[in-house]
Amino acid sequence: MKIATLSQIREVLPSLDLIPAIESGFVAYSEGRAIVPPVGELILDKGETHIKYGYIKGDEHYVIKIASEI
């Protein structure tokens, strides 16, 4: 497992062109090749957290996105 710190992510982001990957993901989703389960939601006393995750059939990676409002 590889864990990236926030500073490592910030260092790399400016050099990335993510638009082609995002477009490719939407194409895979439209073609029924993306597995995207329902959004997870955690309601807390101070805020909430949403978890989205999925993968494209036959791909070697999966994605997890966690967004918090606290």
C-alpha atoms as a PDB file:
ATOM      1  CA  MET A   1       0.000   0.000   0.000  1.00  0.00           C
ATOM      2  CA  LYS A   2       1.230   3.488  -0.808  1.00  0.00           C
ATOM      3  CA  ILE A   3       0.179   6.512   1.227  1.00  0.00           C
ATOM      4  CA  ALA A   4       0.712  10.032  -0.132  1.00  0.00           C
ATOM      5  CA  THR A   5       0.931  12.951   2.249  1.00  0.00           C
ATOM      6  CA  LEU A   6      -0.860  16.228   1.581  1.00  0.00           C
ATOM      7  CA  SER A   7       2.452  17.973   0.876  1.00  0.00           C
ATOM      8  CA  GLN A   8       3.396  15.270  -1.671  1.00  0.00           C
ATOM      9  CA  ILE A   9       0.031  15.656  -3.393  1.00  0.00           C
ATOM     10  CA  ARG A  10       0.356  19.455  -3.516  1.00  0.00           C
ATOM     11  CA  GLU A  11       3.843  19.132  -4.989  1.00  0.00           C
ATOM     12  CA  VAL A  12       2.694  16.923  -7.873  1.00  0.00           C
ATOM     13  CA  LEU A  13      -0.722  18.420  -8.716  1.00  0.00           C
ATOM     14  CA  PRO A  14       0.465  21.450 -10.742  1.00  0.00           C
ATOM     15  CA  SER A  15       2.271  19.191 -13.223  1.00  0.00           C
ATOM     16  CA  LEU A  16      -0.705  16.899 -13.863  1.00  0.00           C
ATOM     17  CA  ASP A  17      -3.224  17.193 -16.685  1.00  0.00           C
ATOM     18  CA  LEU A  18      -6.151  15.243 -15.253  1.00  0.00           C
ATOM     19  CA  ILE A  19      -8.770  16.186 -17.867  1.00  0.00           C
ATOM     20  CA  PRO A  20      -8.018  13.205 -20.190  1.00  0.00           C
ATOM     21  CA  ALA A  21      -8.278  10.761 -17.260  1.00  0.00           C
ATOM     22  CA  ILE A  22     -11.552  12.317 -16.100  1.00  0.00           C
ATOM     23  CA  GLU A  23     -12.973  12.167 -19.648  1.00  0.00           C
ATOM     24  CA  SER A  24     -11.891   8.528 -19.931  1.00  0.00           C
ATOM     25  CA  GLY A  25     -13.634   7.745 -16.647  1.00  0.00           C
ATOM     26  CA  PHE A  26     -16.892   9.299 -17.841  1.00  0.00           C
ATOM     27  CA  VAL A  27     -16.674   7.312 -21.089  1.00  0.00           C
ATOM     28  CA  ALA A  28     -16.154   4.076 -19.117  1.00  0.00           C
ATOM     29  CA  TYR A  29     -19.089   4.983 -16.869  1.00  0.00           C
ATOM     30  CA  SER A  30     -21.313   5.706 -19.906  1.00  0.00           C
ATOM     31  CA  GLU A  31     -20.344   2.362 -21.450  1.00  0.00           C
ATOM     32  CA  GLY A  32     -21.228   0.470 -18.255  1.00  0.00           C
ATOM     33  CA  ARG A  33     -17.599  -0.481 -17.481  1.00  0.00           C
ATOM     34  CA  ALA A  34     -17.391   1.482 -14.220  1.00  0.00           C
ATOM     35  CA  ILE A  35     -18.484  -0.035 -10.924  1.00  0.00           C
ATOM     36  CA  VAL A  36     -19.691   2.808  -8.687  1.00  0.00           C
ATOM     37  CA  PRO A  37     -21.509   1.724  -5.495  1.00  0.00           C
ATOM     38  CA  PRO A  38     -23.829   4.153  -3.670  1.00  0.00           C
ATOM     39  CA  VAL A  39     -22.209   7.054  -1.814  1.00  0.00           C
ATOM     40  CA  GLY A  40     -21.398   6.356   1.837  1.00  0.00           C
ATOM     41  CA  GLU A  41     -22.446   9.025   4.298  1.00  0.00           C
ATOM     42  CA  LEU A  42     -21.382   9.505   7.902  1.00  0.00           C
ATOM     43  CA  ILE A  43     -23.301  12.171   9.833  1.00  0.00           C
ATOM     44  CA  LEU A  44     -21.344  13.461  12.821  1.00  0.00           C
ATOM     45  CA  ASP A  45     -22.201  15.846  15.655  1.00  0.00           C
ATOM     46  CA  LYS A  46     -19.805  18.425  14.147  1.00  0.00           C
ATOM     47  CA  GLY A  47     -20.443  17.817  10.431  1.00  0.00           C
ATOM     48  CA  GLU A  48     -20.516  15.039   7.887  1.00  0.00           C
ATOM     49  CA  THR A  49     -18.288  12.854   5.730  1.00  0.00           C
ATOM     50  CA  HIS A  50     -19.078  11.415   2.297  1.00  0.00           C
ATOM     51  CA  ILE A  51     -17.234   8.470   0.799  1.00  0.00           C
ATOM     52  CA  LYS A  52     -17.285   7.683  -2.929  1.00  0.00           C
ATOM     53  CA  TYR A  53     -15.448   4.751  -4.428  1.00  0.00           C
ATOM     54  CA  GLY A  54     -15.310   2.581  -7.518  1.00  0.00           C
ATOM     55  CA  TYR A  55     -13.268   1.011 -10.261  1.00  0.00           C
ATOM     56  CA  ILE A  56     -13.294   0.319 -13.968  1.00  0.00           C
ATOM     57  CA  LYS A  57     -13.690  -3.334 -14.948  1.00  0.00           C
ATOM     58  CA  GLY A  58     -10.344  -4.826 -15.964  1.00  0.00           C
ATOM     59  CA  ASP A  59      -8.311  -1.924 -14.565  1.00  0.00           C
ATOM     60  CA  GLU A  60      -5.631  -2.514 -11.927  1.00  0.00           C
ATOM     61  CA  HIS A  61      -6.574   0.480  -9.742  1.00  0.00           C
ATOM     62  CA  TYR A  62      -9.556   1.604  -7.733  1.00  0.00           C
ATOM     63  CA  VAL A  63     -10.469   5.020  -6.357  1.00  0.00           C
ATOM     64  CA  ILE A  64     -11.666   6.183  -2.953  1.00  0.00           C
ATOM     65  CA  LYS A  65     -12.654   9.806  -2.333  1.00  0.00           C
ATOM     66  CA  ILE A  66     -13.415  11.036   1.160  1.00  0.00           C
ATOM     67  CA  ALA A  67     -14.823  14.544   1.633  1.00  0.00           C
ATOM     68  CA  SER A  68     -15.425  15.958   5.090  1.00  0.00           C
ATOM     69  CA  GLU A  69     -17.151  19.061   6.337  1.00  0.00           C
ATOM     70  CA  ILE A  70     -16.372  19.564   9.977  1.00  0.00           C
END
